[in-house]
Every structure is written in C-alpha cells, then in structure tokens.
Amino acid sequence: MTPQFARIAAAIVLTMPLLGAQAPATVDTSKIGHQVGAVVPAFEGTDQFGKRQSLASASGPKGTMLVFFRSADW
C-alpha cells in the first residue's frame, strides 16, 4: 500500500460521518407476512421436473423444513 493511497483512504473514512449519513429506518416486522412458529398455509408448486408438489406431499411424519431461495440476479 502506497503512502498516498493510505492518506486518501484515511481522508475518505474520516469525512464519511460529515456527509450526513442517515439512521436506518425501523420497520415493524410483526405486520409483514407470517411469523416464526406460525402454521404455513397449504400450497402447491412445480418442482424442477415439472411435477406438481404440495406441502402435504413434501412433509413426512415428523414434518419438514422448507427453504425458499430467490436469487438476486436481476
């Protein structure tokens, strides 16, 4: 790391609080969607092979944990 780069990086870091950064807004998540421990309503979806699957068909005698992943490739 060159001394000039270090001085520039230090100047940026030291002036950031002076730029008027805003505090993050608080969001009441108790009013958004389902909550932890809530019962999931019945639903159906298509699997990767084109076959219709329901929540009941994926659940076993001990239940199941479903993880939904939506990629952010937009």
C-alpha atoms as a PDB file:
ATOM      1  CA  MET A   1       0.000   0.000   0.000  1.00  0.00           C
ATOM      2  CA  THR A   2       1.470   3.319  -1.017  1.00  0.00           C
ATOM      3  CA  PRO A   3       1.524   6.244   1.420  1.00  0.00           C
ATOM      4  CA  GLN A   4      -0.583   8.332  -0.958  1.00  0.00           C
ATOM      5  CA  PHE A   5      -3.272   5.622  -1.135  1.00  0.00           C
ATOM      6  CA  ALA A   6      -3.264   5.335   2.657  1.00  0.00           C
ATOM      7  CA  ARG A   7      -3.756   9.110   3.036  1.00  0.00           C
ATOM      8  CA  ILE A   8      -6.648   9.117   0.546  1.00  0.00           C
ATOM      9  CA  ALA A   9      -8.328   6.132   2.233  1.00  0.00           C
ATOM     10  CA  ALA A  10      -7.943   7.748   5.670  1.00  0.00           C
ATOM     11  CA  ALA A  11      -9.411  11.023   4.382  1.00  0.00           C
ATOM     12  CA  ILE A  12     -12.446   9.224   2.966  1.00  0.00           C
ATOM     13  CA  VAL A  13     -13.043   7.257   6.153  1.00  0.00           C
ATOM     14  CA  LEU A  14     -12.667  10.336   8.364  1.00  0.00           C
ATOM     15  CA  THR A  15     -15.022  12.511   6.297  1.00  0.00           C
ATOM     16  CA  MET A  16     -17.828   9.947   5.951  1.00  0.00           C
ATOM     17  CA  PRO A  17     -19.570  10.971   9.217  1.00  0.00           C
ATOM     18  CA  LEU A  18     -19.582  14.570   7.992  1.00  0.00           C
ATOM     19  CA  LEU A  19     -21.546  13.665   4.860  1.00  0.00           C
ATOM     20  CA  GLY A  20     -24.824  13.445   6.778  1.00  0.00           C
ATOM     21  CA  ALA A  21     -25.411   9.723   6.888  1.00  0.00           C
ATOM     22  CA  GLN A  22     -28.976   8.916   7.870  1.00  0.00           C
ATOM     23  CA  ALA A  23     -30.005   6.445  10.527  1.00  0.00           C
ATOM     24  CA  PRO A  24     -31.704   3.347   9.098  1.00  0.00           C
ATOM     25  CA  ALA A  25     -35.494   3.382   9.217  1.00  0.00           C
ATOM     26  CA  THR A  26     -37.151   0.966  11.612  1.00  0.00           C
ATOM     27  CA  VAL A  27     -39.737  -1.405  10.225  1.00  0.00           C
ATOM     28  CA  ASP A  28     -42.414  -3.135  12.300  1.00  0.00           C
ATOM     29  CA  THR A  29     -41.965  -6.713  11.060  1.00  0.00           C
ATOM     30  CA  SER A  30     -44.869  -8.015  13.144  1.00  0.00           C
ATOM     31  CA  LYS A  31     -47.201  -6.773  10.400  1.00  0.00           C
ATOM     32  CA  ILE A  32     -45.297  -8.325   7.487  1.00  0.00           C
ATOM     33  CA  GLY A  33     -46.172 -11.853   6.390  1.00  0.00           C
ATOM     34  CA  HIS A  34     -46.046 -14.937   8.577  1.00  0.00           C
ATOM     35  CA  GLN A  35     -44.213 -15.007  11.877  1.00  0.00           C
ATOM     36  CA  VAL A  36     -41.835 -17.553  13.367  1.00  0.00           C
ATOM     37  CA  GLY A  37     -43.787 -20.550  14.634  1.00  0.00           C
ATOM     38  CA  ALA A  38     -46.883 -19.792  12.553  1.00  0.00           C
ATOM     39  CA  VAL A  39     -48.546 -22.620  10.645  1.00  0.00           C
ATOM     40  CA  VAL A  40     -47.846 -22.485   6.915  1.00  0.00           C
ATOM     41  CA  PRO A  41     -50.984 -22.500   4.751  1.00  0.00           C
ATOM     42  CA  ALA A  42     -51.360 -25.331   2.225  1.00  0.00           C
ATOM     43  CA  PHE A  43     -49.826 -24.582  -1.152  1.00  0.00           C
ATOM     44  CA  GLU A  44     -48.700 -26.285  -4.351  1.00  0.00           C
ATOM     45  CA  GLY A  45     -45.786 -25.642  -6.676  1.00  0.00           C
ATOM     46  CA  THR A  46     -43.987 -27.184  -9.616  1.00  0.00           C
ATOM     47  CA  ASP A  47     -40.700 -28.934  -8.929  1.00  0.00           C
ATOM     48  CA  GLN A  48     -37.649 -28.926 -11.190  1.00  0.00           C
ATOM     49  CA  PHE A  49     -39.041 -31.891 -13.140  1.00  0.00           C
ATOM     50  CA  GLY A  50     -42.391 -30.219 -13.900  1.00  0.00           C
ATOM     51  CA  LYS A  51     -44.340 -32.362 -11.402  1.00  0.00           C
ATOM     52  CA  ARG A  52     -46.846 -30.642  -9.096  1.00  0.00           C
ATOM     53  CA  GLN A  53     -45.897 -30.922  -5.437  1.00  0.00           C
ATOM     54  CA  SER A  54     -47.917 -29.871  -2.414  1.00  0.00           C
ATOM     55  CA  LEU A  55     -46.809 -29.105   1.103  1.00  0.00           C
ATOM     56  CA  ALA A  56     -48.517 -32.290   2.306  1.00  0.00           C
ATOM     57  CA  SER A  57     -46.607 -34.411  -0.242  1.00  0.00           C
ATOM     58  CA  ALA A  58     -43.259 -32.996   0.945  1.00  0.00           C
ATOM     59  CA  SER A  59     -43.979 -33.406   4.657  1.00  0.00           C
ATOM     60  CA  GLY A  60     -43.149 -36.623   6.431  1.00  0.00           C
ATOM     61  CA  PRO A  61     -44.432 -37.921   9.778  1.00  0.00           C
ATOM     62  CA  LYS A  62     -42.128 -35.518  11.649  1.00  0.00           C
ATOM     63  CA  GLY A  63     -42.880 -32.558   9.415  1.00  0.00           C
ATOM     64  CA  THR A  64     -40.439 -30.792   7.178  1.00  0.00           C
ATOM     65  CA  MET A  65     -38.439 -27.617   6.858  1.00  0.00           C
ATOM     66  CA  LEU A  66     -38.747 -25.859   3.527  1.00  0.00           C
ATOM     67  CA  VAL A  67     -36.247 -23.231   2.484  1.00  0.00           C
ATOM     68  CA  PHE A  68     -37.186 -20.867  -0.313  1.00  0.00           C
ATOM     69  CA  PHE A  69     -34.348 -19.190  -2.156  1.00  0.00           C
ATOM     70  CA  ARG A  70     -34.878 -16.384  -4.602  1.00  0.00           C
ATOM     71  CA  SER A  71     -31.721 -15.458  -6.412  1.00  0.00           C
ATOM     72  CA  ALA A  72     -30.941 -11.798  -6.811  1.00  0.00           C
ATOM     73  CA  ASP A  73     -29.660 -11.961 -10.366  1.00  0.00           C
ATOM     74  CA  TRP A  74     -31.779  -9.099 -11.600  1.00  0.00           C
END
